Full PDB file with SEQRES, HELIX, SHEET, SSBOND, CRYST1, ORIGX, SCALE, CONECT and MASTER records, all heavy atoms in Angstrom:
SEQRES   1 A   33  VAL SER CYS ALA PRO ALA GLU GLU GLY GLU ALA SER HIS          
SEQRES   2 A   33  PRO PRO GLY PRO SER ASP THR ALA GLU THR GLY ALA ALA          
SEQRES   3 A   33  GLU THR PRO GLU ARG LEU ALA                                  
HELIX    1 AA1 THR A   20  THR A   23  1                                   4    
HELIX    2 AA2 PRO A   29  LEU A   32  1                                   4    
CRYST1    1.000    1.000    1.000  90.00  90.00  90.00 P 1           1          
ORIGX1      1.000000  0.000000  0.000000        0.00000                         
ORIGX2      0.000000  1.000000  0.000000        0.00000                         
ORIGX3      0.000000  0.000000  1.000000        0.00000                         
SCALE1      1.000000  0.000000  0.000000        0.00000                         
SCALE2      0.000000  1.000000  0.000000        0.00000                         
SCALE3      0.000000  0.000000  1.000000        0.00000                         
ATOM      1  N   VAL A   1       0.847  -1.180   0.000  1.00  0.00           N  
ATOM      2  CA  VAL A   1       0.000   0.000   0.000  1.00  0.00           C  
ATOM      3  C   VAL A   1       0.880   1.226   0.000  1.00  0.00           C  
ATOM      4  O   VAL A   1       1.841   1.306   0.753  1.00  0.00           O  
ATOM      5  CB  VAL A   1      -0.915   0.019   1.257  1.00  0.00           C  
ATOM      6  CG1 VAL A   1      -1.726   1.283   1.289  1.00  0.00           C  
ATOM      7  CG2 VAL A   1      -1.802  -1.200   1.280  1.00  0.00           C  
ATOM      8  N   SER A   2       0.559   2.169  -0.836  1.00  0.00           N  
ATOM      9  CA  SER A   2       1.289   3.422  -0.891  1.00  0.00           C  
ATOM     10  C   SER A   2       0.624   4.401   0.054  1.00  0.00           C  
ATOM     11  O   SER A   2      -0.579   4.563   0.027  1.00  0.00           O  
ATOM     12  CB  SER A   2       1.254   3.967  -2.320  1.00  0.00           C  
ATOM     13  OG  SER A   2       1.702   5.303  -2.338  1.00  0.00           O  
ATOM     14  N   CYS A   3       1.413   5.070   0.863  1.00  0.00           N  
ATOM     15  CA  CYS A   3       0.882   6.059   1.783  1.00  0.00           C  
ATOM     16  C   CYS A   3       1.551   7.379   1.495  1.00  0.00           C  
ATOM     17  O   CYS A   3       2.765   7.490   1.612  1.00  0.00           O  
ATOM     18  CB  CYS A   3       1.152   5.663   3.236  1.00  0.00           C  
ATOM     19  SG  CYS A   3       0.424   4.085   3.653  1.00  0.00           S  
ATOM     20  N   ALA A   4       0.769   8.372   1.124  1.00  0.00           N  
ATOM     21  CA  ALA A   4       1.328   9.677   0.812  1.00  0.00           C  
ATOM     22  C   ALA A   4       0.478  10.745   1.470  1.00  0.00           C  
ATOM     23  O   ALA A   4      -0.738  10.638   1.506  1.00  0.00           O  
ATOM     24  CB  ALA A   4       1.351   9.901  -0.700  1.00  0.00           C  
ATOM     25  N   PRO A   5       1.116  11.807   1.990  1.00  0.00           N  
ATOM     26  CA  PRO A   5       0.335  12.894   2.569  1.00  0.00           C  
ATOM     27  C   PRO A   5      -0.415  13.642   1.481  1.00  0.00           C  
ATOM     28  O   PRO A   5      -0.079  13.568   0.304  1.00  0.00           O  
ATOM     29  CB  PRO A   5       1.405  13.787   3.231  1.00  0.00           C  
ATOM     30  CG  PRO A   5       2.670  13.458   2.519  1.00  0.00           C  
ATOM     31  CD  PRO A   5       2.545  12.027   2.055  1.00  0.00           C  
ATOM     32  N   ALA A   6      -1.443  14.363   1.883  1.00  0.00           N  
ATOM     33  CA  ALA A   6      -2.220  15.139   0.931  1.00  0.00           C  
ATOM     34  C   ALA A   6      -1.323  16.159   0.250  1.00  0.00           C  
ATOM     35  O   ALA A   6      -0.471  16.774   0.882  1.00  0.00           O  
ATOM     36  CB  ALA A   6      -3.373  15.842   1.650  1.00  0.00           C  
ATOM     37  N   GLU A   7      -1.519  16.329  -1.042  1.00  0.00           N  
ATOM     38  CA  GLU A   7      -0.742  17.269  -1.830  1.00  0.00           C  
ATOM     39  C   GLU A   7      -1.280  18.675  -1.629  1.00  0.00           C  
ATOM     40  O   GLU A   7      -2.457  18.879  -1.353  1.00  0.00           O  
ATOM     41  CB  GLU A   7      -0.842  16.909  -3.313  1.00  0.00           C  
ATOM     42  CG  GLU A   7      -0.267  15.563  -3.654  1.00  0.00           C  
ATOM     43  CD  GLU A   7       1.222  15.581  -3.861  1.00  0.00           C  
ATOM     44  OE1 GLU A   7       1.749  16.620  -4.301  1.00  0.00           O  
ATOM     45  OE2 GLU A   7       1.864  14.574  -3.550  1.00  0.00           O  
ATOM     46  N   GLU A   8      -0.424  19.666  -1.816  1.00  0.00           N  
ATOM     47  CA  GLU A   8      -0.820  21.059  -1.779  1.00  0.00           C  
ATOM     48  C   GLU A   8      -1.921  21.286  -2.810  1.00  0.00           C  
ATOM     49  O   GLU A   8      -1.830  20.795  -3.925  1.00  0.00           O  
ATOM     50  CB  GLU A   8       0.407  21.930  -2.100  1.00  0.00           C  
ATOM     51  CG  GLU A   8       0.210  23.392  -1.823  1.00  0.00           C  
ATOM     52  CD  GLU A   8       0.175  23.692  -0.338  1.00  0.00           C  
ATOM     53  OE1 GLU A   8       0.757  22.958   0.463  1.00  0.00           O  
ATOM     54  OE2 GLU A   8      -0.456  24.689   0.015  1.00  0.00           O  
ATOM     55  N   GLY A   9      -2.962  21.975  -2.468  1.00  0.00           N  
ATOM     56  CA  GLY A   9      -4.023  22.267  -3.410  1.00  0.00           C  
ATOM     57  C   GLY A   9      -5.152  21.256  -3.417  1.00  0.00           C  
ATOM     58  O   GLY A   9      -6.127  21.429  -4.110  1.00  0.00           O  
ATOM     59  N   GLU A  10      -5.032  20.148  -2.670  1.00  0.00           N  
ATOM     60  CA  GLU A  10      -6.121  19.178  -2.619  1.00  0.00           C  
ATOM     61  C   GLU A  10      -7.255  19.741  -1.776  1.00  0.00           C  
ATOM     62  O   GLU A  10      -7.078  20.675  -1.016  1.00  0.00           O  
ATOM     63  CB  GLU A  10      -5.629  17.857  -2.017  1.00  0.00           C  
ATOM     64  CG  GLU A  10      -4.778  17.066  -2.969  1.00  0.00           C  
ATOM     65  CD  GLU A  10      -4.537  15.662  -2.456  1.00  0.00           C  
ATOM     66  OE1 GLU A  10      -5.390  15.133  -1.724  1.00  0.00           O  
ATOM     67  OE2 GLU A  10      -3.499  15.110  -2.789  1.00  0.00           O  
ATOM     68  N   ALA A  11      -8.406  19.158  -1.890  1.00  0.00           N  
ATOM     69  CA  ALA A  11      -9.580  19.609  -1.142  1.00  0.00           C  
ATOM     70  C   ALA A  11      -9.267  19.675   0.339  1.00  0.00           C  
ATOM     71  O   ALA A  11      -8.564  18.836   0.870  1.00  0.00           O  
ATOM     72  CB  ALA A  11     -10.749  18.669  -1.389  1.00  0.00           C  
ATOM     73  N   SER A  12      -9.792  20.698   1.009  1.00  0.00           N  
ATOM     74  CA  SER A  12      -9.505  20.852   2.437  1.00  0.00           C  
ATOM     75  C   SER A  12     -10.475  20.084   3.314  1.00  0.00           C  
ATOM     76  O   SER A  12     -10.259  19.958   4.502  1.00  0.00           O  
ATOM     77  CB  SER A  12      -9.521  22.331   2.814  1.00  0.00           C  
ATOM     78  OG  SER A  12     -10.798  22.868   2.566  1.00  0.00           O  
ATOM     79  N   HIS A  13     -11.568  19.590   2.759  1.00  0.00           N  
ATOM     80  CA  HIS A  13     -12.533  18.817   3.528  1.00  0.00           C  
ATOM     81  C   HIS A  13     -12.663  17.431   2.940  1.00  0.00           C  
ATOM     82  O   HIS A  13     -12.684  17.275   1.733  1.00  0.00           O  
ATOM     83  CB  HIS A  13     -13.904  19.501   3.535  1.00  0.00           C  
ATOM     84  CG  HIS A  13     -13.940  20.690   4.439  1.00  0.00           C  
ATOM     85  ND1 HIS A  13     -14.122  20.571   5.790  1.00  0.00           N  
ATOM     86  CD2 HIS A  13     -13.778  21.998   4.196  1.00  0.00           C  
ATOM     87  CE1 HIS A  13     -14.092  21.760   6.336  1.00  0.00           C  
ATOM     88  NE2 HIS A  13     -13.880  22.647   5.383  1.00  0.00           N  
ATOM     89  N   PRO A  14     -12.792  16.407   3.793  1.00  0.00           N  
ATOM     90  CA  PRO A  14     -12.980  15.048   3.308  1.00  0.00           C  
ATOM     91  C   PRO A  14     -14.378  14.869   2.747  1.00  0.00           C  
ATOM     92  O   PRO A  14     -15.245  15.698   2.975  1.00  0.00           O  
ATOM     93  CB  PRO A  14     -12.780  14.196   4.562  1.00  0.00           C  
ATOM     94  CG  PRO A  14     -13.192  15.104   5.667  1.00  0.00           C  
ATOM     95  CD  PRO A  14     -12.763  16.494   5.228  1.00  0.00           C  
ATOM     96  N   PRO A  15     -14.581  13.772   2.050  1.00  0.00           N  
ATOM     97  CA  PRO A  15     -15.919  13.500   1.562  1.00  0.00           C  
ATOM     98  C   PRO A  15     -16.841  13.180   2.724  1.00  0.00           C  
ATOM     99  O   PRO A  15     -16.376  12.801   3.784  1.00  0.00           O  
ATOM    100  CB  PRO A  15     -15.713  12.252   0.685  1.00  0.00           C  
ATOM    101  CG  PRO A  15     -14.529  11.579   1.296  1.00  0.00           C  
ATOM    102  CD  PRO A  15     -13.649  12.701   1.771  1.00  0.00           C  
ATOM    103  N   GLY A  16     -18.123  13.338   2.521  1.00  0.00           N  
ATOM    104  CA  GLY A  16     -19.082  12.854   3.498  1.00  0.00           C  
ATOM    105  C   GLY A  16     -19.366  13.820   4.618  1.00  0.00           C  
ATOM    106  O   GLY A  16     -19.430  15.023   4.421  1.00  0.00           O  
ATOM    107  N   PRO A  17     -19.485  13.292   5.852  1.00  0.00           N  
ATOM    108  CA  PRO A  17     -19.954  14.086   6.981  1.00  0.00           C  
ATOM    109  C   PRO A  17     -19.084  15.300   7.263  1.00  0.00           C  
ATOM    110  O   PRO A  17     -17.920  15.334   6.903  1.00  0.00           O  
ATOM    111  CB  PRO A  17     -19.891  13.097   8.156  1.00  0.00           C  
ATOM    112  CG  PRO A  17     -19.883  11.759   7.532  1.00  0.00           C  
ATOM    113  CD  PRO A  17     -19.222  11.917   6.200  1.00  0.00           C  
ATOM    114  N   SER A  18     -19.655  16.277   7.922  1.00  0.00           N  
ATOM    115  CA  SER A  18     -18.899  17.470   8.283  1.00  0.00           C  
ATOM    116  C   SER A  18     -17.825  17.127   9.287  1.00  0.00           C  
ATOM    117  O   SER A  18     -17.762  16.026   9.809  1.00  0.00           O  
ATOM    118  CB  SER A  18     -19.852  18.503   8.891  1.00  0.00           C  
ATOM    119  OG  SER A  18     -20.308  18.026  10.139  1.00  0.00           O  
ATOM    120  N   ASP A  19     -16.972  18.094   9.574  1.00  0.00           N  
ATOM    121  CA  ASP A  19     -15.882  17.797  10.491  1.00  0.00           C  
ATOM    122  C   ASP A  19     -16.269  18.023  11.942  1.00  0.00           C  
ATOM    123  O   ASP A  19     -15.429  18.373  12.756  1.00  0.00           O  
ATOM    124  CB  ASP A  19     -14.623  18.589  10.117  1.00  0.00           C  
ATOM    125  CG  ASP A  19     -14.886  19.998   9.705  1.00  0.00           C  
ATOM    126  OD1 ASP A  19     -15.747  20.217   8.830  1.00  0.00           O  
ATOM    127  OD2 ASP A  19     -14.230  20.891  10.233  1.00  0.00           O  
ATOM    128  N   THR A  20     -17.518  17.780  12.320  1.00  0.00           N  
ATOM    129  CA  THR A  20     -17.910  17.884  13.715  1.00  0.00           C  
ATOM    130  C   THR A  20     -17.212  16.829  14.557  1.00  0.00           C  
ATOM    131  O   THR A  20     -17.097  16.978  15.764  1.00  0.00           O  
ATOM    132  CB  THR A  20     -19.438  17.736  13.898  1.00  0.00           C  
ATOM    133  OG1 THR A  20     -19.843  16.498  13.346  1.00  0.00           O  
ATOM    134  CG2 THR A  20     -20.184  18.888  13.282  1.00  0.00           C  
ATOM    135  N   ALA A  21     -16.683  15.770  13.930  1.00  0.00           N  
ATOM    136  CA  ALA A  21     -15.958  14.746  14.674  1.00  0.00           C  
ATOM    137  C   ALA A  21     -14.711  15.335  15.300  1.00  0.00           C  
ATOM    138  O   ALA A  21     -14.213  14.830  16.284  1.00  0.00           O  
ATOM    139  CB  ALA A  21     -15.585  13.573  13.767  1.00  0.00           C  
ATOM    140  N   GLU A  22     -14.199  16.422  14.738  1.00  0.00           N  
ATOM    141  CA  GLU A  22     -13.012  17.039  15.301  1.00  0.00           C  
ATOM    142  C   GLU A  22     -13.345  18.245  16.164  1.00  0.00           C  
ATOM    143  O   GLU A  22     -12.651  18.532  17.114  1.00  0.00           O  
ATOM    144  CB  GLU A  22     -12.052  17.438  14.177  1.00  0.00           C  
ATOM    145  CG  GLU A  22     -11.452  16.231  13.523  1.00  0.00           C  
ATOM    146  CD  GLU A  22     -10.419  16.582  12.491  1.00  0.00           C  
ATOM    147  OE1 GLU A  22     -10.011  17.738  12.373  1.00  0.00           O  
ATOM    148  OE2 GLU A  22     -10.022  15.663  11.789  1.00  0.00           O  
ATOM    149  N   THR A  23     -14.387  18.972  15.834  1.00  0.00           N  
ATOM    150  CA  THR A  23     -14.692  20.171  16.601  1.00  0.00           C  
ATOM    151  C   THR A  23     -15.539  19.878  17.821  1.00  0.00           C  
ATOM    152  O   THR A  23     -15.527  20.650  18.768  1.00  0.00           O  
ATOM    153  CB  THR A  23     -15.435  21.200  15.726  1.00  0.00           C  
ATOM    154  OG1 THR A  23     -16.687  20.646  15.339  1.00  0.00           O  
ATOM    155  CG2 THR A  23     -14.623  21.594  14.517  1.00  0.00           C  
ATOM    156  N   GLY A  24     -16.305  18.795  17.801  1.00  0.00           N  
ATOM    157  CA  GLY A  24     -17.147  18.436  18.936  1.00  0.00           C  
ATOM    158  C   GLY A  24     -18.279  19.411  19.148  1.00  0.00           C  
ATOM    159  O   GLY A  24     -18.767  19.567  20.257  1.00  0.00           O  
ATOM    160  N   ALA A  25     -18.729  20.082  18.113  1.00  0.00           N  
ATOM    161  CA  ALA A  25     -19.737  21.135  18.195  1.00  0.00           C  
ATOM    162  C   ALA A  25     -21.049  20.625  18.784  1.00  0.00           C  
ATOM    163  O   ALA A  25     -21.971  20.294  18.067  1.00  0.00           O  
ATOM    164  CB  ALA A  25     -19.968  21.735  16.817  1.00  0.00           C  
ATOM    165  N   ALA A  26     -21.125  20.584  20.109  1.00  0.00           N  
ATOM    166  CA  ALA A  26     -22.343  20.199  20.831  1.00  0.00           C  
ATOM    167  C   ALA A  26     -22.895  18.854  20.385  1.00  0.00           C  
ATOM    168  O   ALA A  26     -24.095  18.653  20.367  1.00  0.00           O  
ATOM    169  CB  ALA A  26     -23.390  21.293  20.725  1.00  0.00           C  
ATOM    170  N   GLU A  27     -22.052  17.944  20.018  1.00  0.00           N  
ATOM    171  CA  GLU A  27     -22.458  16.615  19.592  1.00  0.00           C  
ATOM    172  C   GLU A  27     -22.239  15.633  20.736  1.00  0.00           C  
ATOM    173  O   GLU A  27     -21.320  15.790  21.534  1.00  0.00           O  
ATOM    174  CB  GLU A  27     -21.638  16.153  18.388  1.00  0.00           C  
ATOM    175  CG  GLU A  27     -21.852  16.964  17.130  1.00  0.00           C  
ATOM    176  CD  GLU A  27     -23.112  16.565  16.385  1.00  0.00           C  
ATOM    177  OE1 GLU A  27     -23.720  15.542  16.727  1.00  0.00           O  
ATOM    178  OE2 GLU A  27     -23.480  17.289  15.458  1.00  0.00           O  
ATOM    179  N   THR A  28     -23.056  14.594  20.779  1.00  0.00           N  
ATOM    180  CA  THR A  28     -22.866  13.536  21.770  1.00  0.00           C  
ATOM    181  C   THR A  28     -21.724  12.638  21.326  1.00  0.00           C  
ATOM    182  O   THR A  28     -21.401  12.571  20.130  1.00  0.00           O  
ATOM    183  CB  THR A  28     -24.138  12.690  21.904  1.00  0.00           C  
ATOM    184  OG1 THR A  28     -24.353  11.988  20.680  1.00  0.00           O  
ATOM    185  CG2 THR A  28     -25.338  13.540  22.268  1.00  0.00           C  
ATOM    186  N   PRO A  29     -21.081  11.933  22.255  1.00  0.00           N  
ATOM    187  CA  PRO A  29     -20.031  10.988  21.870  1.00  0.00           C  
ATOM    188  C   PRO A  29     -20.542   9.954  20.862  1.00  0.00           C  
ATOM    189  O   PRO A  29     -19.821   9.595  19.927  1.00  0.00           O  
ATOM    190  CB  PRO A  29     -19.645  10.322  23.190  1.00  0.00           C  
ATOM    191  CG  PRO A  29     -19.978  11.333  24.231  1.00  0.00           C  
ATOM    192  CD  PRO A  29     -21.212  12.031  23.715  1.00  0.00           C  
ATOM    193  N   GLU A  30     -21.779   9.522  21.017  1.00  0.00           N  
ATOM    194  CA  GLU A  30     -22.341   8.531  20.102  1.00  0.00           C  
ATOM    195  C   GLU A  30     -22.460   9.079  18.689  1.00  0.00           C  
ATOM    196  O   GLU A  30     -22.126   8.408  17.716  1.00  0.00           O  
ATOM    197  CB  GLU A  30     -23.706   8.054  20.619  1.00  0.00           C  
ATOM    198  CG  GLU A  30     -23.641   7.288  21.918  1.00  0.00           C  
ATOM    199  CD  GLU A  30     -23.532   8.154  23.181  1.00  0.00           C  
ATOM    200  OE1 GLU A  30     -23.624   9.411  23.094  1.00  0.00           O  
ATOM    201  OE2 GLU A  30     -23.352   7.573  24.263  1.00  0.00           O  
ATOM    202  N   ARG A  31     -22.929  10.318  18.555  1.00  0.00           N  
ATOM    203  CA  ARG A  31     -23.055  10.943  17.231  1.00  0.00           C  
ATOM    204  C   ARG A  31     -21.678  11.182  16.620  1.00  0.00           C  
ATOM    205  O   ARG A  31     -21.491  11.008  15.420  1.00  0.00           O  
ATOM    206  CB  ARG A  31     -23.844  12.253  17.351  1.00  0.00           C  
ATOM    207  CG  ARG A  31     -24.095  12.939  16.029  1.00  0.00           C  
ATOM    208  CD  ARG A  31     -25.006  12.109  15.118  1.00  0.00           C  
ATOM    209  NE  ARG A  31     -24.395  12.129  13.801  1.00  0.00           N  
ATOM    210  CZ  ARG A  31     -24.465  11.178  12.893  1.00  0.00           C  
ATOM    211  NH1 ARG A  31     -25.141  10.081  13.115  1.00  0.00           N  
ATOM    212  NH2 ARG A  31     -23.872  11.285  11.745  1.00  0.00           N  
ATOM    213  N   LEU A  32     -20.705  11.594  17.432  1.00  0.00           N  
ATOM    214  CA  LEU A  32     -19.350  11.822  16.928  1.00  0.00           C  
ATOM    215  C   LEU A  32     -18.721  10.519  16.451  1.00  0.00           C  
ATOM    216  O   LEU A  32     -17.995  10.492  15.454  1.00  0.00           O  
ATOM    217  CB  LEU A  32     -18.496  12.480  18.008  1.00  0.00           C  
ATOM    218  CG  LEU A  32     -18.927  13.900  18.394  1.00  0.00           C  
ATOM    219  CD1 LEU A  32     -18.164  14.368  19.627  1.00  0.00           C  
ATOM    220  CD2 LEU A  32     -18.744  14.852  17.238  1.00  0.00           C  
ATOM    221  N   ALA A  33     -19.010   9.424  17.151  1.00  0.00           N  
ATOM    222  CA  ALA A  33     -18.484   8.117  16.744  1.00  0.00           C  
ATOM    223  C   ALA A  33     -19.095   7.680  15.417  1.00  0.00           C  
ATOM    224  O   ALA A  33     -18.381   7.187  14.523  1.00  0.00           O  
ATOM    225  CB  ALA A  33     -18.761   7.080  17.836  1.00  0.00           C  
TER     226      ALA A  33                                                      
MASTER        0    0    0    2    0    0    0    6  225    1    0    3          
END                                                                             
């Protein structure tokens, strides 16, 4: 498997759910999981 860090200029957000998993914006542990 090749592992490479994200290149400069790539999208700043991953696909799918918002990044509340990192900010913890009033979310329950269950919802964050």
